[in-house]
């Protein structure tokens, strides 16, 4: 059975995760965005951009339908149909 709306979890809201969230939101899906950087989360809650490729208006539009849920807790991911990880791994040897 095909669903019209999927719940997508995106871990990491940087240069890959935030545009990906925007694409899913434009397709009318529900997005749970997670980032451990509290500063990013706070800016998003204020509808402010922290990426040069996004304007504040772009961020406002992402929240307009009420389907963009953000935070630093992973609890919301339990509702997701799919989870996408978008962060940079750094290894030290």
N, C-alpha and C. Protein backbone atom coordinates (compact mmCIF):
# COMPACT_ATOMS: atom_id res chain seq x y z
N UNK A 1 0.84 -1.18 0.00
CA UNK A 1 0.00 0.00 0.00
C UNK A 1 0.88 1.25 0.00
N UNK A 2 0.65 2.12 -0.92
CA UNK A 2 1.45 3.34 -1.03
C UNK A 2 0.89 4.42 -0.12
N UNK A 3 1.79 5.04 0.62
CA UNK A 3 1.40 6.14 1.49
C UNK A 3 1.61 7.46 0.75
N UNK A 4 0.76 8.43 1.07
CA UNK A 4 0.92 9.76 0.47
C UNK A 4 1.95 10.58 1.21
N UNK A 5 2.04 10.36 2.52
CA UNK A 5 2.98 11.12 3.36
C UNK A 5 3.86 10.14 4.12
N UNK A 6 5.15 10.32 4.01
CA UNK A 6 6.09 9.52 4.79
C UNK A 6 6.67 10.38 5.90
N UNK A 7 7.06 9.74 6.99
CA UNK A 7 7.73 10.42 8.09
C UNK A 7 9.22 10.11 7.95
N UNK A 8 9.99 11.14 7.67
CA UNK A 8 11.42 10.99 7.39
C UNK A 8 12.23 11.60 8.52
N UNK A 9 13.13 10.83 9.10
CA UNK A 9 14.06 11.33 10.10
C UNK A 9 15.38 11.66 9.44
N UNK A 10 15.90 12.85 9.72
CA UNK A 10 17.20 13.25 9.17
C UNK A 10 18.10 13.64 10.34
N UNK A 11 19.18 12.90 10.48
CA UNK A 11 20.15 13.18 11.53
C UNK A 11 21.28 14.00 10.91
N UNK A 12 21.42 15.23 11.39
CA UNK A 12 22.43 16.15 10.85
C UNK A 12 21.78 17.15 9.92
N UNK A 13 21.72 18.40 10.33
CA UNK A 13 21.05 19.44 9.55
C UNK A 13 22.05 20.47 9.01
N UNK A 14 23.11 19.95 8.42
CA UNK A 14 24.13 20.82 7.83
C UNK A 14 23.91 20.98 6.34
N UNK A 15 25.01 21.06 5.57
CA UNK A 15 24.95 21.32 4.14
C UNK A 15 24.32 20.20 3.32
N UNK A 16 24.18 19.03 3.90
CA UNK A 16 23.49 17.93 3.22
C UNK A 16 22.10 17.72 3.81
N UNK A 17 22.01 17.66 5.12
CA UNK A 17 20.75 17.35 5.79
C UNK A 17 19.66 18.39 5.62
N UNK A 18 19.99 19.66 5.72
CA UNK A 18 18.97 20.71 5.62
C UNK A 18 18.37 20.78 4.21
N UNK A 19 19.18 20.78 3.14
CA UNK A 19 18.57 20.75 1.80
C UNK A 19 17.75 19.49 1.55
N UNK A 20 18.19 18.37 2.11
CA UNK A 20 17.44 17.13 1.96
C UNK A 20 16.08 17.25 2.66
N UNK A 21 16.08 17.84 3.85
CA UNK A 21 14.83 18.08 4.56
C UNK A 21 13.90 18.95 3.72
N UNK A 22 14.47 19.99 3.11
CA UNK A 22 13.68 20.89 2.28
C UNK A 22 13.04 20.13 1.11
N UNK A 23 13.79 19.25 0.49
CA UNK A 23 13.25 18.48 -0.64
C UNK A 23 12.09 17.59 -0.21
N UNK A 24 12.23 16.91 0.93
CA UNK A 24 11.14 16.07 1.42
C UNK A 24 9.92 16.90 1.80
N UNK A 25 10.14 18.06 2.41
CA UNK A 25 9.02 18.93 2.79
C UNK A 25 8.29 19.45 1.55
N UNK A 26 9.02 19.77 0.50
CA UNK A 26 8.39 20.24 -0.74
C UNK A 26 7.52 19.15 -1.36
N UNK A 27 7.85 17.90 -1.08
CA UNK A 27 7.04 16.77 -1.57
C UNK A 27 5.93 16.40 -0.59
N UNK A 28 5.72 17.25 0.43
CA UNK A 28 4.63 17.13 1.40
C UNK A 28 4.80 15.97 2.39
N UNK A 29 6.06 15.60 2.67
CA UNK A 29 6.32 14.59 3.68
C UNK A 29 6.56 15.26 5.03
N UNK A 30 6.53 14.48 6.09
CA UNK A 30 6.80 14.98 7.43
C UNK A 30 8.28 14.71 7.73
N UNK A 31 8.97 15.72 8.24
CA UNK A 31 10.41 15.58 8.48
C UNK A 31 10.72 15.84 9.95
N UNK A 32 11.47 14.91 10.54
CA UNK A 32 12.00 15.05 11.90
C UNK A 32 13.50 15.31 11.76
N UNK A 33 13.91 16.55 11.96
CA UNK A 33 15.31 16.93 11.83
C UNK A 33 16.00 16.95 13.18
N UNK A 34 17.12 16.25 13.26
CA UNK A 34 17.88 16.13 14.51
C UNK A 34 19.29 16.65 14.29
N UNK A 35 19.75 17.46 15.23
CA UNK A 35 21.15 17.90 15.21
C UNK A 35 21.59 18.10 16.65
N UNK A 36 22.81 17.69 16.97
CA UNK A 36 23.31 17.86 18.34
C UNK A 36 23.84 19.26 18.58
N UNK A 37 23.95 20.06 17.51
CA UNK A 37 24.39 21.45 17.63
C UNK A 37 23.18 22.29 18.03
N UNK A 38 23.10 22.61 19.31
CA UNK A 38 21.96 23.35 19.85
C UNK A 38 21.84 24.73 19.22
N UNK A 39 22.96 25.32 18.83
CA UNK A 39 22.93 26.63 18.17
C UNK A 39 22.16 26.56 16.85
N UNK A 40 22.37 25.50 16.07
CA UNK A 40 21.62 25.32 14.83
C UNK A 40 20.13 25.18 15.11
N UNK A 41 19.81 24.37 16.09
CA UNK A 41 18.40 24.14 16.43
C UNK A 41 17.75 25.45 16.86
N UNK A 42 18.44 26.23 17.68
CA UNK A 42 17.89 27.50 18.14
C UNK A 42 17.66 28.47 16.99
N UNK A 43 18.60 28.51 16.04
CA UNK A 43 18.42 29.40 14.89
C UNK A 43 17.23 28.96 14.05
N UNK A 44 17.10 27.65 13.85
CA UNK A 44 15.96 27.16 13.09
C UNK A 44 14.64 27.50 13.78
N UNK A 45 14.61 27.37 15.09
CA UNK A 45 13.39 27.70 15.83
C UNK A 45 13.03 29.17 15.67
N UNK A 46 14.03 30.02 15.48
CA UNK A 46 13.80 31.45 15.24
C UNK A 46 13.57 31.74 13.76
N UNK A 47 13.53 30.67 12.95
CA UNK A 47 13.34 30.78 11.49
C UNK A 47 14.48 31.55 10.83
N UNK A 48 15.70 31.33 11.33
CA UNK A 48 16.90 31.98 10.81
C UNK A 48 17.81 30.96 10.15
N UNK A 49 18.43 31.36 9.06
CA UNK A 49 19.33 30.48 8.34
C UNK A 49 20.75 30.57 8.90
N UNK A 50 21.46 29.45 8.86
CA UNK A 50 22.87 29.41 9.24
C UNK A 50 23.72 28.89 8.08
N UNK A 51 23.09 28.69 6.93
CA UNK A 51 23.80 28.25 5.74
C UNK A 51 23.71 29.32 4.66
N UNK A 52 24.80 29.54 3.94
CA UNK A 52 24.82 30.59 2.92
C UNK A 52 23.87 30.31 1.76
N UNK A 53 23.52 29.05 1.53
CA UNK A 53 22.63 28.70 0.43
C UNK A 53 21.15 28.85 0.77
N UNK A 54 20.84 29.17 2.01
CA UNK A 54 19.45 29.30 2.47
C UNK A 54 19.21 30.71 3.00
N UNK A 55 18.07 31.26 2.63
CA UNK A 55 17.67 32.54 3.21
C UNK A 55 16.74 32.28 4.40
N UNK A 56 16.50 33.31 5.17
CA UNK A 56 15.55 33.17 6.28
C UNK A 56 14.16 32.80 5.74
N UNK A 57 13.83 33.33 4.57
CA UNK A 57 12.54 33.01 3.95
C UNK A 57 12.46 31.53 3.61
N UNK A 58 13.55 30.94 3.13
CA UNK A 58 13.58 29.50 2.84
C UNK A 58 13.26 28.71 4.10
N UNK A 59 13.85 29.12 5.22
CA UNK A 59 13.63 28.42 6.49
C UNK A 59 12.17 28.58 6.92
N UNK A 60 11.64 29.79 6.80
CA UNK A 60 10.24 30.04 7.16
C UNK A 60 9.31 29.14 6.35
N UNK A 61 9.59 29.00 5.07
CA UNK A 61 8.77 28.15 4.20
C UNK A 61 8.83 26.68 4.61
N UNK A 62 9.96 26.25 5.14
CA UNK A 62 10.09 24.86 5.58
C UNK A 62 9.16 24.57 6.76
N UNK A 63 8.91 25.56 7.58
CA UNK A 63 8.06 25.39 8.75
C UNK A 63 6.58 25.69 8.47
N UNK A 64 6.28 26.28 7.33
CA UNK A 64 4.95 26.81 7.04
C UNK A 64 3.82 25.78 7.18
N UNK A 65 4.02 24.58 6.71
CA UNK A 65 2.95 23.57 6.73
C UNK A 65 2.84 22.84 8.07
N UNK A 66 3.81 23.07 8.96
CA UNK A 66 3.78 22.39 10.26
C UNK A 66 4.29 20.96 10.24
N UNK A 67 4.97 20.59 9.16
CA UNK A 67 5.48 19.22 9.03
C UNK A 67 6.97 19.09 9.30
N UNK A 68 7.63 20.17 9.71
CA UNK A 68 9.06 20.14 10.00
C UNK A 68 9.23 20.22 11.52
N UNK A 69 9.72 19.13 12.10
CA UNK A 69 9.91 19.03 13.54
C UNK A 69 11.40 18.89 13.81
N UNK A 70 11.94 19.77 14.62
CA UNK A 70 13.38 19.78 14.86
C UNK A 70 13.69 19.65 16.34
N UNK A 71 14.90 19.20 16.63
CA UNK A 71 15.35 19.11 18.00
C UNK A 71 16.70 18.42 18.07
N UNK A 72 17.19 18.26 19.29
CA UNK A 72 18.46 17.58 19.49
C UNK A 72 18.25 16.20 20.12
N UNK A 73 17.01 15.86 20.38
CA UNK A 73 16.67 14.56 20.95
C UNK A 73 16.35 13.57 19.83
N UNK A 74 16.78 12.37 20.01
CA UNK A 74 16.53 11.33 19.00
C UNK A 74 15.18 10.64 19.21
N UNK A 75 14.43 11.05 20.21
CA UNK A 75 13.15 10.41 20.55
C UNK A 75 12.15 10.47 19.40
N UNK A 76 12.11 11.58 18.68
CA UNK A 76 11.16 11.73 17.59
C UNK A 76 11.38 10.76 16.44
N UNK A 77 12.57 10.21 16.37
CA UNK A 77 12.88 9.29 15.27
C UNK A 77 12.11 7.98 15.36
N UNK A 78 11.57 7.68 16.53
CA UNK A 78 10.81 6.43 16.68
C UNK A 78 9.55 6.44 15.82
N UNK A 79 9.10 7.60 15.39
CA UNK A 79 7.92 7.72 14.55
C UNK A 79 8.25 7.67 13.06
N UNK A 80 9.53 7.70 12.72
CA UNK A 80 9.95 7.81 11.32
C UNK A 80 9.78 6.49 10.56
N UNK A 81 9.38 6.62 9.29
CA UNK A 81 9.34 5.48 8.38
C UNK A 81 10.73 5.17 7.85
N UNK A 82 11.57 6.19 7.77
CA UNK A 82 12.95 6.04 7.28
C UNK A 82 13.82 7.06 8.00
N UNK A 83 15.08 6.70 8.21
CA UNK A 83 16.04 7.59 8.87
C UNK A 83 17.26 7.73 7.96
N UNK A 84 17.66 8.97 7.73
CA UNK A 84 18.81 9.27 6.88
C UNK A 84 19.86 9.96 7.74
N UNK A 85 21.08 9.47 7.69
CA UNK A 85 22.17 10.05 8.48
C UNK A 85 23.01 10.93 7.57
N UNK A 86 23.16 12.19 7.97
CA UNK A 86 23.88 13.18 7.16
C UNK A 86 24.89 13.93 8.01
N UNK A 87 25.93 13.27 8.42
CA UNK A 87 26.98 13.99 9.14
C UNK A 87 28.32 13.44 8.78
N UNK A 88 29.33 14.23 9.03
CA UNK A 88 30.70 13.92 8.65
C UNK A 88 31.38 13.12 9.77
N UNK A 89 31.93 12.01 9.38
CA UNK A 89 32.71 11.22 10.33
C UNK A 89 34.15 11.70 10.29
N UNK A 90 34.72 11.88 11.45
CA UNK A 90 36.13 12.26 11.54
C UNK A 90 36.84 11.19 12.34
N UNK A 91 37.86 10.62 11.75
CA UNK A 91 38.62 9.58 12.44
C UNK A 91 40.00 10.12 12.80
N UNK A 92 40.44 9.84 13.98
CA UNK A 92 41.76 10.25 14.45
C UNK A 92 42.56 8.98 14.70
N UNK A 93 43.75 8.93 14.14
CA UNK A 93 44.63 7.77 14.36
C UNK A 93 45.89 8.19 15.06
